Amino acid sequence: MILPCEVGVKTVLPAVKAIMARTIVQKHGLNERETANLLGLSQSAVSRYVARERGGNLISIENTAEILSLIDEMVLTILK
């Protein structure tokens, strides 16, 4: 039996990390190494998130305005 929290960790969390990484690199102009340090990830993970090779394969949340707004708030908090 798969618990709901396991589904979230394996699908939702990677999608959120991918959007956060892309937002920080593309919208806020930090490089992949700086982004990795902020998010507690490796530079290669950030590179794969930015290239869309990781994080969005199992669930797509990029077209949900409410979720994107919350992610933007999280990114701004991290950048402060």
C-alpha atoms as a PDB file:
ATOM      1  CA  MET A   1       0.000   0.000   0.000  1.00  0.00           C
ATOM      2  CA  ILE A   2       1.308   3.447  -0.933  1.00  0.00           C
ATOM      3  CA  LEU A   3       0.583   6.180   1.577  1.00  0.00           C
ATOM      4  CA  PRO A   4      -0.597   9.614   0.382  1.00  0.00           C
ATOM      5  CA  CYS A   5       2.535  11.240   1.783  1.00  0.00           C
ATOM      6  CA  GLU A   6       4.659   8.928  -0.380  1.00  0.00           C
ATOM      7  CA  VAL A   7       2.763  10.049  -3.477  1.00  0.00           C
ATOM      8  CA  GLY A   8       3.437  13.668  -2.561  1.00  0.00           C
ATOM      9  CA  VAL A   9       7.137  13.088  -1.972  1.00  0.00           C
ATOM     10  CA  LYS A  10       7.584  11.222  -5.232  1.00  0.00           C
ATOM     11  CA  THR A  11       5.452  13.420  -7.506  1.00  0.00           C
ATOM     12  CA  VAL A  12       4.515  16.813  -6.087  1.00  0.00           C
ATOM     13  CA  LEU A  13       7.744  17.704  -4.300  1.00  0.00           C
ATOM     14  CA  PRO A  14       9.987  17.161  -7.355  1.00  0.00           C
ATOM     15  CA  ALA A  15       7.612  19.253  -9.486  1.00  0.00           C
ATOM     16  CA  VAL A  16       7.733  22.093  -6.939  1.00  0.00           C
ATOM     17  CA  LYS A  17      11.540  21.907  -6.714  1.00  0.00           C
ATOM     18  CA  ALA A  18      11.760  22.050 -10.510  1.00  0.00           C
ATOM     19  CA  ILE A  19       9.583  25.156 -10.730  1.00  0.00           C
ATOM     20  CA  MET A  20      11.490  26.817  -7.893  1.00  0.00           C
ATOM     21  CA  ALA A  21      14.855  26.083  -9.518  1.00  0.00           C
ATOM     22  CA  ARG A  22      13.725  27.358 -12.929  1.00  0.00           C
ATOM     23  CA  THR A  23      12.192  30.485 -11.381  1.00  0.00           C
ATOM     24  CA  ILE A  24      15.336  31.350  -9.442  1.00  0.00           C
ATOM     25  CA  VAL A  25      17.609  30.827 -12.452  1.00  0.00           C
ATOM     26  CA  GLN A  26      15.436  32.315 -15.181  1.00  0.00           C
ATOM     27  CA  LYS A  27      13.462  35.027 -13.390  1.00  0.00           C
ATOM     28  CA  HIS A  28      15.895  36.110 -10.691  1.00  0.00           C
ATOM     29  CA  GLY A  29      19.163  35.600 -12.576  1.00  0.00           C
ATOM     30  CA  LEU A  30      21.084  33.420 -10.148  1.00  0.00           C
ATOM     31  CA  ASN A  31      23.338  30.779 -11.613  1.00  0.00           C
ATOM     32  CA  GLU A  32      22.814  27.069 -11.070  1.00  0.00           C
ATOM     33  CA  ARG A  33      25.422  26.796  -8.300  1.00  0.00           C
ATOM     34  CA  GLU A  34      23.885  29.672  -6.314  1.00  0.00           C
ATOM     35  CA  THR A  35      20.430  28.190  -6.838  1.00  0.00           C
ATOM     36  CA  ALA A  36      21.628  24.777  -5.691  1.00  0.00           C
ATOM     37  CA  ASN A  37      23.052  26.290  -2.502  1.00  0.00           C
ATOM     38  CA  LEU A  38      19.800  28.099  -1.752  1.00  0.00           C
ATOM     39  CA  LEU A  39      17.669  25.012  -2.297  1.00  0.00           C
ATOM     40  CA  GLY A  40      20.018  22.476  -0.728  1.00  0.00           C
ATOM     41  CA  LEU A  41      20.457  20.615  -3.995  1.00  0.00           C
ATOM     42  CA  SER A  42      23.387  19.669  -6.189  1.00  0.00           C
ATOM     43  CA  GLN A  43      24.256  21.864  -9.152  1.00  0.00           C
ATOM     44  CA  SER A  44      23.571  18.942 -11.479  1.00  0.00           C
ATOM     45  CA  ALA A  45      20.063  18.511 -10.024  1.00  0.00           C
ATOM     46  CA  VAL A  46      19.340  22.189 -10.660  1.00  0.00           C
ATOM     47  CA  SER A  47      20.699  21.837 -14.191  1.00  0.00           C
ATOM     48  CA  ARG A  48      18.354  18.917 -14.833  1.00  0.00           C
ATOM     49  CA  TYR A  49      15.394  20.817 -13.346  1.00  0.00           C
ATOM     50  CA  VAL A  50      16.117  23.846 -15.539  1.00  0.00           C
ATOM     51  CA  ALA A  51      16.498  21.654 -18.640  1.00  0.00           C
ATOM     52  CA  ARG A  52      13.182  19.956 -17.752  1.00  0.00           C
ATOM     53  CA  GLU A  53      14.894  16.560 -17.584  1.00  0.00           C
ATOM     54  CA  ARG A  54      13.793  16.063 -13.991  1.00  0.00           C
ATOM     55  CA  GLY A  55      10.895  16.963 -11.740  1.00  0.00           C
ATOM     56  CA  GLY A  56       7.896  17.342 -13.992  1.00  0.00           C
ATOM     57  CA  ASN A  57       7.454  13.934 -15.513  1.00  0.00           C
ATOM     58  CA  LEU A  58       4.823  12.502 -13.188  1.00  0.00           C
ATOM     59  CA  ILE A  59       2.634  15.517 -12.440  1.00  0.00           C
ATOM     60  CA  SER A  60       2.161  18.870 -14.128  1.00  0.00           C
ATOM     61  CA  ILE A  61       1.387  21.802 -11.840  1.00  0.00           C
ATOM     62  CA  GLU A  62       2.785  24.590 -13.998  1.00  0.00           C
ATOM     63  CA  ASN A  63      -0.620  25.569 -15.347  1.00  0.00           C
ATOM     64  CA  THR A  64      -2.167  26.092 -11.931  1.00  0.00           C
ATOM     65  CA  ALA A  65      -2.041  29.813 -11.127  1.00  0.00           C
ATOM     66  CA  GLU A  66      -2.705  29.370  -7.418  1.00  0.00           C
ATOM     67  CA  ILE A  67       0.165  26.930  -7.005  1.00  0.00           C
ATOM     68  CA  LEU A  68       2.524  29.099  -9.045  1.00  0.00           C
ATOM     69  CA  SER A  69       1.646  32.070  -6.847  1.00  0.00           C
ATOM     70  CA  LEU A  70       2.503  30.084  -3.720  1.00  0.00           C
ATOM     71  CA  ILE A  71       5.774  28.907  -5.255  1.00  0.00           C
ATOM     72  CA  ASP A  72       6.659  32.513  -6.158  1.00  0.00           C
ATOM     73  CA  GLU A  73       6.093  33.487  -2.527  1.00  0.00           C
ATOM     74  CA  MET A  74       8.372  30.673  -1.378  1.00  0.00           C
ATOM     75  CA  VAL A  75      11.068  31.727  -3.837  1.00  0.00           C
ATOM     76  CA  LEU A  76      10.923  35.348  -2.669  1.00  0.00           C
ATOM     77  CA  THR A  77      11.183  34.209   0.944  1.00  0.00           C
ATOM     78  CA  ILE A  78      14.235  32.079   0.150  1.00  0.00           C
ATOM     79  CA  LEU A  79      15.900  34.910  -1.765  1.00  0.00           C
ATOM     80  CA  LYS A  80      15.490  37.280   1.188  1.00  0.00           C
END
